[in-house]
PDB file of all heavy atoms in Angstrom:
ATOM      1  N   THR A   1      55.647 159.134  76.947  1.00  0.00           N
ATOM      2  CA  THR A   1      56.889 158.372  76.866  1.00  0.00           C
ATOM      3  C   THR A   1      58.103 159.266  76.592  1.00  0.00           C
ATOM      4  O   THR A   1      59.223 159.031  77.144  1.00  0.00           O
ATOM      5  CB  THR A   1      56.742 157.316  75.749  1.00  0.00           C
ATOM      6  OG1 THR A   1      55.634 156.473  76.045  1.00  0.00           O
ATOM      7  CG2 THR A   1      58.062 156.474  75.663  1.00  0.00           C
ATOM      8  N   HIS A   2      57.910 160.250  75.748  1.00  0.00           N
ATOM      9  CA  HIS A   2      59.023 161.178  75.422  1.00  0.00           C
ATOM     10  C   HIS A   2      59.501 161.886  76.661  1.00  0.00           C
ATOM     11  O   HIS A   2      60.712 162.092  76.874  1.00  0.00           O
ATOM     12  CB  HIS A   2      58.578 162.190  74.337  1.00  0.00           C
ATOM     13  CG  HIS A   2      59.658 163.080  73.926  1.00  0.00           C
ATOM     14  ND1 HIS A   2      60.818 162.647  73.222  1.00  0.00           N
ATOM     15  CD2 HIS A   2      59.837 164.451  74.128  1.00  0.00           C
ATOM     16  CE1 HIS A   2      61.571 163.663  72.991  1.00  0.00           C
ATOM     17  NE2 HIS A   2      61.044 164.804  73.509  1.00  0.00           N
ATOM     18  N   ALA A   3      58.529 162.306  77.544  1.00  0.00           N
ATOM     19  CA  ALA A   3      58.950 162.975  78.755  1.00  0.00           C
ATOM     20  C   ALA A   3      59.742 162.051  79.666  1.00  0.00           C
ATOM     21  O   ALA A   3      60.658 162.474  80.360  1.00  0.00           O
ATOM     22  CB  ALA A   3      57.664 163.470  79.489  1.00  0.00           C
ATOM     23  N   GLY A   4      59.376 160.768  79.634  1.00  0.00           N
ATOM     24  CA  GLY A   4      60.142 159.801  80.439  1.00  0.00           C
ATOM     25  C   GLY A   4      61.557 159.663  80.005  1.00  0.00           C
ATOM     26  O   GLY A   4      62.496 159.630  80.790  1.00  0.00           O
ATOM     27  N   LEU A   5      61.750 159.618  78.664  1.00  0.00           N
ATOM     28  CA  LEU A   5      63.110 159.564  78.125  1.00  0.00           C
ATOM     29  C   LEU A   5      63.902 160.778  78.458  1.00  0.00           C
ATOM     30  O   LEU A   5      65.110 160.733  78.799  1.00  0.00           O
ATOM     31  CB  LEU A   5      63.064 159.347  76.601  1.00  0.00           C
ATOM     32  CG  LEU A   5      62.502 158.010  76.123  1.00  0.00           C
ATOM     33  CD1 LEU A   5      62.384 158.003  74.588  1.00  0.00           C
ATOM     34  CD2 LEU A   5      63.407 156.875  76.551  1.00  0.00           C
ATOM     35  N   GLU A   6      63.260 161.964  78.366  1.00  0.00           N
ATOM     36  CA  GLU A   6      63.934 163.211  78.725  1.00  0.00           C
ATOM     37  C   GLU A   6      64.345 163.229  80.210  1.00  0.00           C
ATOM     38  O   GLU A   6      65.389 163.727  80.567  1.00  0.00           O
ATOM     39  CB  GLU A   6      63.027 164.400  78.387  1.00  0.00           C
ATOM     40  CG  GLU A   6      62.861 164.665  76.914  1.00  0.00           C
ATOM     41  CD  GLU A   6      62.023 165.884  76.663  1.00  0.00           C
ATOM     42  OE1 GLU A   6      61.270 166.315  77.588  1.00  0.00           O
ATOM     43  OE2 GLU A   6      62.103 166.479  75.575  1.00  0.00           O
ATOM     44  N   ALA A   7      63.442 162.706  81.051  1.00  0.00           N
ATOM     45  CA  ALA A   7      63.741 162.691  82.502  1.00  0.00           C
ATOM     46  C   ALA A   7      64.964 161.823  82.816  1.00  0.00           C
ATOM     47  O   ALA A   7      65.867 162.238  83.563  1.00  0.00           O
ATOM     48  CB  ALA A   7      62.521 162.191  83.294  1.00  0.00           C
ATOM     49  N   VAL A   8      65.019 160.644  82.191  1.00  0.00           N
ATOM     50  CA  VAL A   8      66.173 159.769  82.423  1.00  0.00           C
ATOM     51  C   VAL A   8      67.449 160.408  81.818  1.00  0.00           C
ATOM     52  O   VAL A   8      68.508 160.357  82.461  1.00  0.00           O
ATOM     53  CB  VAL A   8      65.899 158.368  81.816  1.00  0.00           C
ATOM     54  CG1 VAL A   8      67.175 157.508  81.874  1.00  0.00           C
ATOM     55  CG2 VAL A   8      64.776 157.688  82.545  1.00  0.00           C
ATOM     56  N   ALA A   9      67.330 160.990  80.682  1.00  0.00           N
ATOM     57  CA  ALA A   9      68.463 161.656  80.046  1.00  0.00           C
ATOM     58  C   ALA A   9      68.957 162.825  80.940  1.00  0.00           C
ATOM     59  O   ALA A   9      70.128 163.157  80.955  1.00  0.00           O
ATOM     60  CB  ALA A   9      68.137 162.191  78.665  1.00  0.00           C
ATOM     61  N   ALA A  10      68.024 163.496  81.662  1.00  0.00           N
ATOM     62  CA  ALA A  10      68.372 164.612  82.510  1.00  0.00           C
ATOM     63  C   ALA A  10      68.988 164.188  83.824  1.00  0.00           C
ATOM     64  O   ALA A  10      69.482 165.030  84.600  1.00  0.00           O
ATOM     65  CB  ALA A  10      67.147 165.479  82.750  1.00  0.00           C
ATOM     66  N   GLY A  11      68.930 162.894  84.150  1.00  0.00           N
ATOM     67  CA  GLY A  11      69.570 162.424  85.380  1.00  0.00           C
ATOM     68  C   GLY A  11      68.678 161.639  86.307  1.00  0.00           C
ATOM     69  O   GLY A  11      69.161 161.183  87.352  1.00  0.00           O
ATOM     70  N   ALA A  12      67.385 161.465  85.996  1.00  0.00           N
ATOM     71  CA  ALA A  12      66.550 160.642  86.819  1.00  0.00           C
ATOM     72  C   ALA A  12      66.934 159.189  86.713  1.00  0.00           C
ATOM     73  O   ALA A  12      67.386 158.721  85.642  1.00  0.00           O
ATOM     74  CB  ALA A  12      65.070 160.823  86.424  1.00  0.00           C
ATOM     75  N   GLN A  13      66.806 158.440  87.816  1.00  0.00           N
ATOM     76  CA  GLN A  13      67.118 156.997  87.765  1.00  0.00           C
ATOM     77  C   GLN A  13      65.999 156.223  87.143  1.00  0.00           C
ATOM     78  O   GLN A  13      66.236 155.130  86.595  1.00  0.00           O
ATOM     79  CB  GLN A  13      67.392 156.526  89.202  1.00  0.00           C
ATOM     80  CG  GLN A  13      68.614 157.122  89.861  1.00  0.00           C
ATOM     81  CD  GLN A  13      69.899 156.715  89.168  1.00  0.00           C
ATOM     82  OE1 GLN A  13      70.010 155.634  88.690  1.00  0.00           O
ATOM     83  NE2 GLN A  13      70.892 157.641  89.161  1.00  0.00           N
ATOM     84  N   ASP A  14      64.771 156.705  87.210  1.00  0.00           N
ATOM     85  CA  ASP A  14      63.654 155.983  86.606  1.00  0.00           C
ATOM     86  C   ASP A  14      62.483 156.967  86.444  1.00  0.00           C
ATOM     87  O   ASP A  14      62.482 158.075  87.017  1.00  0.00           O
ATOM     88  CB  ASP A  14      63.219 154.820  87.485  1.00  0.00           C
ATOM     89  CG  ASP A  14      62.555 153.709  86.706  1.00  0.00           C
ATOM     90  OD1 ASP A  14      62.175 153.918  85.548  1.00  0.00           O
ATOM     91  OD2 ASP A  14      62.423 152.591  87.253  1.00  0.00           O
ATOM     92  N   TYR A  15      61.503 156.567  85.609  1.00  0.00           N
ATOM     93  CA  TYR A  15      60.320 157.370  85.322  1.00  0.00           C
ATOM     94  C   TYR A  15      59.108 156.459  85.415  1.00  0.00           C
ATOM     95  O   TYR A  15      58.935 155.531  84.652  1.00  0.00           O
ATOM     96  CB  TYR A  15      60.425 157.956  83.904  1.00  0.00           C
ATOM     97  CG  TYR A  15      59.296 158.900  83.547  1.00  0.00           C
ATOM     98  CD1 TYR A  15      59.411 160.283  83.767  1.00  0.00           C
ATOM     99  CD2 TYR A  15      58.118 158.447  82.971  1.00  0.00           C
ATOM    100  CE1 TYR A  15      58.418 161.160  83.399  1.00  0.00           C
ATOM    101  CE2 TYR A  15      57.091 159.325  82.593  1.00  0.00           C
ATOM    102  CZ  TYR A  15      57.266 160.678  82.843  1.00  0.00           C
ATOM    103  OH  TYR A  15      56.261 161.576  82.504  1.00  0.00           O
ATOM    104  N   LEU A  16      58.284 156.674  86.454  1.00  0.00           N
ATOM    105  CA  LEU A  16      57.124 155.829  86.736  1.00  0.00           C
ATOM    106  C   LEU A  16      55.838 156.663  86.619  1.00  0.00           C
ATOM    107  O   LEU A  16      55.788 157.815  87.008  1.00  0.00           O
ATOM    108  CB  LEU A  16      57.227 155.254  88.136  1.00  0.00           C
ATOM    109  CG  LEU A  16      58.494 154.416  88.426  1.00  0.00           C
ATOM    110  CD1 LEU A  16      58.460 153.914  89.886  1.00  0.00           C
ATOM    111  CD2 LEU A  16      58.621 153.225  87.463  1.00  0.00           C
ATOM    112  N   VAL A  17      54.813 156.013  86.079  1.00  0.00           N
ATOM    113  CA  VAL A  17      53.474 156.641  85.922  1.00  0.00           C
ATOM    114  C   VAL A  17      52.613 156.128  87.083  1.00  0.00           C
ATOM    115  O   VAL A  17      52.485 154.921  87.303  1.00  0.00           O
ATOM    116  CB  VAL A  17      52.826 156.339  84.587  1.00  0.00           C
ATOM    117  CG1 VAL A  17      51.455 156.970  84.488  1.00  0.00           C
ATOM    118  CG2 VAL A  17      53.739 156.797  83.452  1.00  0.00           C
ATOM    119  N   LYS A  18      51.980 157.055  87.829  1.00  0.00           N
ATOM    120  CA  LYS A  18      51.260 156.700  89.030  1.00  0.00           C
ATOM    121  C   LYS A  18      50.225 155.599  88.832  1.00  0.00           C
ATOM    122  O   LYS A  18      50.165 154.645  89.575  1.00  0.00           O
ATOM    123  CB  LYS A  18      50.590 157.954  89.606  1.00  0.00           C
ATOM    124  CG  LYS A  18      51.535 159.018  90.139  1.00  0.00           C
ATOM    125  CD  LYS A  18      50.779 160.233  90.619  1.00  0.00           C
ATOM    126  CE  LYS A  18      51.748 161.286  91.145  1.00  0.00           C
ATOM    127  NZ  LYS A  18      51.058 162.515  91.586  1.00  0.00           N
ATOM    128  N   GLY A  19      49.419 155.692  87.767  1.00  0.00           N
ATOM    129  CA  GLY A  19      48.363 154.732  87.568  1.00  0.00           C
ATOM    130  C   GLY A  19      48.847 153.351  87.180  1.00  0.00           C
ATOM    131  O   GLY A  19      48.072 152.391  87.145  1.00  0.00           O
ATOM    132  N   GLU A  20      50.112 153.236  86.840  1.00  0.00           N
ATOM    133  CA  GLU A  20      50.686 151.978  86.364  1.00  0.00           C
ATOM    134  C   GLU A  20      51.589 151.322  87.358  1.00  0.00           C
ATOM    135  O   GLU A  20      52.238 150.304  87.072  1.00  0.00           O
ATOM    136  CB  GLU A  20      51.420 152.191  85.045  1.00  0.00           C
ATOM    137  CG  GLU A  20      50.546 152.782  83.915  1.00  0.00           C
ATOM    138  CD  GLU A  20      51.367 153.176  82.676  1.00  0.00           C
ATOM    139  OE1 GLU A  20      52.607 152.942  82.736  1.00  0.00           O
ATOM    140  OE2 GLU A  20      50.765 153.627  81.718  1.00  0.00           O
ATOM    141  N   VAL A  21      51.695 151.891  88.555  1.00  0.00           N
ATOM    142  CA  VAL A  21      52.707 151.437  89.519  1.00  0.00           C
ATOM    143  C   VAL A  21      52.011 150.672  90.685  1.00  0.00           C
ATOM    144  O   VAL A  21      51.001 151.142  91.236  1.00  0.00           O
ATOM    145  CB  VAL A  21      53.479 152.656  90.141  1.00  0.00           C
ATOM    146  CG1 VAL A  21      54.401 152.183  91.260  1.00  0.00           C
ATOM    147  CG2 VAL A  21      54.293 153.314  89.027  1.00  0.00           C
ATOM    148  N   GLY A  22      52.612 149.520  91.007  1.00  0.00           N
ATOM    149  CA  GLY A  22      52.187 148.805  92.200  1.00  0.00           C
ATOM    150  C   GLY A  22      53.326 148.730  93.177  1.00  0.00           C
ATOM    151  O   GLY A  22      54.425 149.257  92.939  1.00  0.00           O
ATOM    152  N   GLY A  23      53.101 148.009  94.271  1.00  0.00           N
ATOM    153  CA  GLY A  23      54.134 147.909  95.299  1.00  0.00           C
ATOM    154  C   GLY A  23      55.413 147.273  94.810  1.00  0.00           C
ATOM    155  O   GLY A  23      56.534 147.713  95.081  1.00  0.00           O
ATOM    156  N   GLU A  24      55.272 146.136  94.027  1.00  0.00           N
ATOM    157  CA  GLU A  24      56.493 145.436  93.555  1.00  0.00           C
ATOM    158  C   GLU A  24      57.294 146.295  92.650  1.00  0.00           C
ATOM    159  O   GLU A  24      58.532 146.404  92.784  1.00  0.00           O
ATOM    160  CB  GLU A  24      56.039 144.190  92.851  1.00  0.00           C
ATOM    161  CG  GLU A  24      57.232 143.330  92.353  1.00  0.00           C
ATOM    162  CD  GLU A  24      56.785 142.044  91.689  1.00  0.00           C
ATOM    163  OE1 GLU A  24      55.583 141.768  91.703  1.00  0.00           O
ATOM    164  OE2 GLU A  24      57.664 141.365  91.146  1.00  0.00           O
ATOM    165  N   LEU A  25      56.670 146.988  91.660  1.00  0.00           N
ATOM    166  CA  LEU A  25      57.381 147.825  90.738  1.00  0.00           C
ATOM    167  C   LEU A  25      58.050 148.989  91.415  1.00  0.00           C
ATOM    168  O   LEU A  25      59.214 149.306  91.161  1.00  0.00           O
ATOM    169  CB  LEU A  25      56.425 148.310  89.641  1.00  0.00           C
ATOM    170  CG  LEU A  25      57.025 149.243  88.578  1.00  0.00           C
ATOM    171  CD1 LEU A  25      58.245 148.606  87.879  1.00  0.00           C
ATOM    172  CD2 LEU A  25      56.006 149.724  87.572  1.00  0.00           C
ATOM    173  N   LEU A  26      57.303 149.634  92.309  1.00  0.00           N
ATOM    174  CA  LEU A  26      57.903 150.806  93.014  1.00  0.00           C
ATOM    175  C   LEU A  26      59.060 150.403  93.875  1.00  0.00           C
ATOM    176  O   LEU A  26      60.096 151.048  93.911  1.00  0.00           O
ATOM    177  CB  LEU A  26      56.823 151.482  93.868  1.00  0.00           C
ATOM    178  CG  LEU A  26      57.280 152.733  94.619  1.00  0.00           C
ATOM    179  CD1 LEU A  26      57.815 153.774  93.676  1.00  0.00           C
ATOM    180  CD2 LEU A  26      56.156 153.287  95.482  1.00  0.00           C
ATOM    181  N   GLY A  27      58.888 149.258  94.588  1.00  0.00           N
ATOM    182  CA  GLY A  27      60.016 148.800  95.464  1.00  0.00           C
ATOM    183  C   GLY A  27      61.230 148.465  94.658  1.00  0.00           C
ATOM    184  O   GLY A  27      62.361 148.817  95.045  1.00  0.00           O
ATOM    185  N   ARG A  28      61.056 147.757  93.536  1.00  0.00           N
ATOM    186  CA  ARG A  28      62.189 147.425  92.696  1.00  0.00           C
ATOM    187  C   ARG A  28      62.863 148.616  92.118  1.00  0.00           C
ATOM    188  O   ARG A  28      64.107 148.763  92.076  1.00  0.00           O
ATOM    189  CB  ARG A  28      61.753 146.472  91.604  1.00  0.00           C
ATOM    190  CG  ARG A  28      62.903 145.976  90.688  1.00  0.00           C
ATOM    191  CD  ARG A  28      62.490 144.824  89.789  1.00  0.00           C
ATOM    192  NE  ARG A  28      61.449 145.251  88.873  1.00  0.00           N
ATOM    193  CZ  ARG A  28      60.205 144.779  88.882  1.00  0.00           C
ATOM    194  NH1 ARG A  28      59.866 143.907  89.820  1.00  0.00           N
ATOM    195  NH2 ARG A  28      59.327 145.183  87.964  1.00  0.00           N
ATOM    196  N   SER A  29      62.069 149.607  91.689  1.00  0.00           N
ATOM    197  CA  SER A  29      62.648 150.833  91.093  1.00  0.00           C
ATOM    198  C   SER A  29      63.448 151.613  92.119  1.00  0.00           C
ATOM    199  O   SER A  29      64.533 152.078  91.793  1.00  0.00           O
ATOM    200  CB  SER A  29      61.486 151.695  90.568  1.00  0.00           C
ATOM    201  OG  SER A  29      62.025 152.925  90.002  1.00  0.00           O
ATOM    202  N   VAL A  30      62.936 151.683  93.316  1.00  0.00           N
ATOM    203  CA  VAL A  30      63.647 152.405  94.374  1.00  0.00           C
ATOM    204  C   VAL A  30      64.967 151.714  94.710  1.00  0.00           C
ATOM    205  O   VAL A  30      66.003 152.370  94.820  1.00  0.00           O
ATOM    206  CB  VAL A  30      62.793 152.559  95.630  1.00  0.00           C
ATOM    207  CG1 VAL A  30      63.618 153.014  96.821  1.00  0.00           C
ATOM    208  CG2 VAL A  30      61.658 153.541  95.360  1.00  0.00           C
ATOM    209  N   ARG A  31      64.931 150.386  94.875  1.00  0.00           N
ATOM    210  CA  ARG A  31      66.139 149.638  95.189  1.00  0.00           C
ATOM    211  C   ARG A  31      67.204 149.830  94.093  1.00  0.00           C
ATOM    212  O   ARG A  31      68.370 150.091  94.391  1.00  0.00           O
ATOM    213  CB  ARG A  31      65.821 148.181  95.357  1.00  0.00           C
ATOM    214  CG  ARG A  31      65.003 147.815  96.630  1.00  0.00           C
ATOM    215  CD  ARG A  31      64.954 146.340  96.801  1.00  0.00           C
ATOM    216  NE  ARG A  31      64.117 145.954  97.945  1.00  0.00           N
ATOM    217  CZ  ARG A  31      62.843 145.632  97.875  1.00  0.00           C
ATOM    218  NH1 ARG A  31      62.223 145.569  96.672  1.00  0.00           N
ATOM    219  NH2 ARG A  31      62.155 145.262  98.951  1.00  0.00           N
ATOM    220  N   TYR A  32      66.779 149.645  92.846  1.00  0.00           N
ATOM    221  CA  TYR A  32      67.742 149.747  91.769  1.00  0.00           C
ATOM    222  C   TYR A  32      68.292 151.184  91.673  1.00  0.00           C
ATOM    223  O   TYR A  32      69.480 151.363  91.346  1.00  0.00           O
ATOM    224  CB  TYR A  32      67.048 149.403  90.441  1.00  0.00           C
ATOM    225  CG  TYR A  32      66.738 147.911  90.258  1.00  0.00           C
ATOM    226  CD1 TYR A  32      66.081 147.453  89.168  1.00  0.00           C
ATOM    227  CD2 TYR A  32      67.154 147.008  91.246  1.00  0.00           C
ATOM    228  CE1 TYR A  32      65.769 146.097  89.016  1.00  0.00           C
ATOM    229  CE2 TYR A  32      66.841 145.648  91.121  1.00  0.00           C
ATOM    230  CZ  TYR A  32      66.169 145.172  89.990  1.00  0.00           C
ATOM    231  OH  TYR A  32      65.889 143.875  89.851  1.00  0.00           O
ATOM    232  N   ALA A  33      67.434 152.168  91.883  1.00  0.00           N
ATOM    233  CA  ALA A  33      67.851 153.569  91.803  1.00  0.00           C
ATOM    234  C   ALA A  33      68.955 153.865  92.815  1.00  0.00           C
ATOM    235  O   ALA A  33      69.950 154.502  92.494  1.00  0.00           O
ATOM    236  CB  ALA A  33      66.670 154.501  91.957  1.00  0.00           C
ATOM    237  N   VAL A  34      68.744 153.405  94.029  1.00  0.00           N
ATOM    238  CA  VAL A  34      69.711 153.649  95.094  1.00  0.00           C
ATOM    239  C   VAL A  34      71.027 152.967  94.768  1.00  0.00           C
ATOM    240  O   VAL A  34      72.106 153.539  94.886  1.00  0.00           O
ATOM    241  CB  VAL A  34      69.205 153.211  96.455  1.00  0.00           C
ATOM    242  CG1 VAL A  34      70.279 153.263  97.522  1.00  0.00           C
ATOM    243  CG2 VAL A  34      67.991 154.051  96.880  1.00  0.00           C
ATOM    244  N   GLN A  35      70.984 151.736  94.282  1.00  0.00           N
ATOM    245  CA  GLN A  35      72.191 150.992  93.990  1.00  0.00           C
ATOM    246  C   GLN A  35      72.927 151.633  92.807  1.00  0.00           C
ATOM    247  O   GLN A  35      74.163 151.736  92.825  1.00  0.00           O
ATOM    248  CB  GLN A  35      71.890 149.541  93.664  1.00  0.00           C
ATOM    249  CG  GLN A  35      71.464 148.734  94.870  1.00  0.00           C
ATOM    250  CD  GLN A  35      72.546 148.728  95.978  1.00  0.00           C
ATOM    251  OE1 GLN A  35      73.748 148.550  95.679  1.00  0.00           O
ATOM    252  NE2 GLN A  35      72.118 148.919  97.209  1.00  0.00           N
ATOM    253  N   ARG A  36      72.210 152.058  91.801  1.00  0.00           N
ATOM    254  CA  ARG A  36      72.876 152.704  90.645  1.00  0.00           C
ATOM    255  C   ARG A  36      73.555 153.986  91.103  1.00  0.00           C
ATOM    256  O   ARG A  36      74.634 154.318  90.670  1.00  0.00           O
ATOM    257  CB  ARG A  36      71.873 152.985  89.564  1.00  0.00           C
ATOM    258  CG  ARG A  36      71.501 151.760  88.682  1.00  0.00           C
ATOM    259  CD  ARG A  36      70.801 152.192  87.403  1.00  0.00           C
ATOM    260  NE  ARG A  36      69.526 152.834  87.700  1.00  0.00           N
ATOM    261  CZ  ARG A  36      68.354 152.204  87.773  1.00  0.00           C
ATOM    262  NH1 ARG A  36      68.307 150.896  87.639  1.00  0.00           N
ATOM    263  NH2 ARG A  36      67.238 152.874  88.003  1.00  0.00           N
ATOM    264  N   ARG A  37      72.882 154.700  91.995  1.00  0.00           N
ATOM    265  CA  ARG A  37      73.466 155.987  92.479  1.00  0.00           C
ATOM    266  C   ARG A  37      74.768 155.697  93.252  1.00  0.00           C
ATOM    267  O   ARG A  37      75.741 156.425  93.116  1.00  0.00           O
ATOM    268  CB  ARG A  37      72.466 156.701  93.369  1.00  0.00           C
ATOM    269  CG  ARG A  37      72.908 158.086  93.808  1.00  0.00           C
ATOM    270  CD  ARG A  37      72.967 159.032  92.661  1.00  0.00           C
ATOM    271  NE  ARG A  37      73.257 160.385  93.092  1.00  0.00           N
ATOM    272  CZ  ARG A  37      73.291 161.430  92.300  1.00  0.00           C
ATOM    273  NH1 ARG A  37      73.054 161.247  90.992  1.00  0.00           N
ATOM    274  NH2 ARG A  37      73.535 162.636  92.756  1.00  0.00           N
ATOM    275  N   LEU A  38      74.746 154.642  94.077  1.00  0.00           N
ATOM    276  CA  LEU A  38      75.948 154.272  94.821  1.00  0.00           C
ATOM    277  C   LEU A  38      77.073 153.893  93.889  1.00  0.00           C
ATOM    278  O   LEU A  38      78.247 154.246  94.126  1.00  0.00           O
ATOM    279  CB  LEU A  38      75.644 153.141  95.801  1.00  0.00           C
ATOM    280  CG  LEU A  38      74.680 153.484  96.960  1.00  0.00           C
ATOM    281  CD1 LEU A  38      74.395 152.211  97.750  1.00  0.00           C
ATOM    282  CD2 LEU A  38      75.330 154.506  97.870  1.00  0.00           C
ATOM    283  N   LEU A  39      76.762 153.128  92.845  1.00  0.00           N
ATOM    284  CA  LEU A  39      77.775 152.756  91.878  1.00  0.00           C
ATOM    285  C   LEU A  39      78.336 153.962  91.154  1.00  0.00           C
ATOM    286  O   LEU A  39      79.533 154.054  90.864  1.00  0.00           O
ATOM    287  CB  LEU A  39      77.197 151.774  90.864  1.00  0.00           C
ATOM    288  CG  LEU A  39      76.961 150.335  91.394  1.00  0.00           C
ATOM    289  CD1 LEU A  39      76.222 149.490  90.337  1.00  0.00           C
ATOM    290  CD2 LEU A  39      78.252 149.653  91.813  1.00  0.00           C
ATOM    291  N   GLN A  40      77.483 154.903  90.780  1.00  0.00           N
ATOM    292  CA  GLN A  40      77.935 156.132  90.135  1.00  0.00           C
ATOM    293  C   GLN A  40      78.883 156.933  91.055  1.00  0.00           C
ATOM    294  O   GLN A  40      79.898 157.435  90.616  1.00  0.00           O
ATOM    295  CB  GLN A  40      76.758 156.989  89.739  1.00  0.00           C
ATOM    296  CG  GLN A  40      75.927 156.421  88.581  1.00  0.00           C
ATOM    297  CD  GLN A  40      74.655 157.178  88.373  1.00  0.00           C
ATOM    298  OE1 GLN A  40      74.289 158.083  89.109  1.00  0.00           O
ATOM    299  NE2 GLN A  40      73.913 156.791  87.286  1.00  0.00           N
ATOM    300  N   ALA A  41      78.511 156.983  92.338  1.00  0.00           N
ATOM    301  CA  ALA A  41      79.388 157.682  93.280  1.00  0.00           C
ATOM    302  C   ALA A  41      80.725 156.972  93.434  1.00  0.00           C
ATOM    303  O   ALA A  41      81.763 157.614  93.503  1.00  0.00           O
ATOM    304  CB  ALA A  41      78.674 157.786  94.646  1.00  0.00           C
ATOM    305  N   ALA A  42      80.690 155.612  93.447  1.00  0.00           N
ATOM    306  CA  ALA A  42      81.952 154.863  93.533  1.00  0.00           C
ATOM    307  C   ALA A  42      82.795 155.071  92.279  1.00  0.00           C
ATOM    308  O   ALA A  42      84.018 155.216  92.378  1.00  0.00           O
ATOM    309  CB  ALA A  42      81.622 153.417  93.729  1.00  0.00           C
ATOM    310  N   ASP A  43      82.165 155.113  91.123  1.00  0.00           N
ATOM    311  CA  ASP A  43      82.913 155.348  89.903  1.00  0.00           C
ATOM    312  C   ASP A  43      83.566 156.743  89.892  1.00  0.00           C
ATOM    313  O   ASP A  43      84.696 156.883  89.462  1.00  0.00           O
ATOM    314  CB  ASP A  43      81.977 155.229  88.678  1.00  0.00           C
ATOM    315  CG  ASP A  43      81.609 153.767  88.372  1.00  0.00           C
ATOM    316  OD1 ASP A  43      82.316 152.902  88.880  1.00  0.00           O
ATOM    317  OD2 ASP A  43      80.611 153.578  87.659  1.00  0.00           O
TER     318      ASP A  43
END
């Protein structure tokens, strides 16, 4: 968990663990990540 917090603090949009990820979670994470990146660029 600490590595996940460090990754987000370092600039990652999300931190997912392979064994805990399904299609719905991965798809939502990717969509949100792209939108957040676009908003950051707009800002």
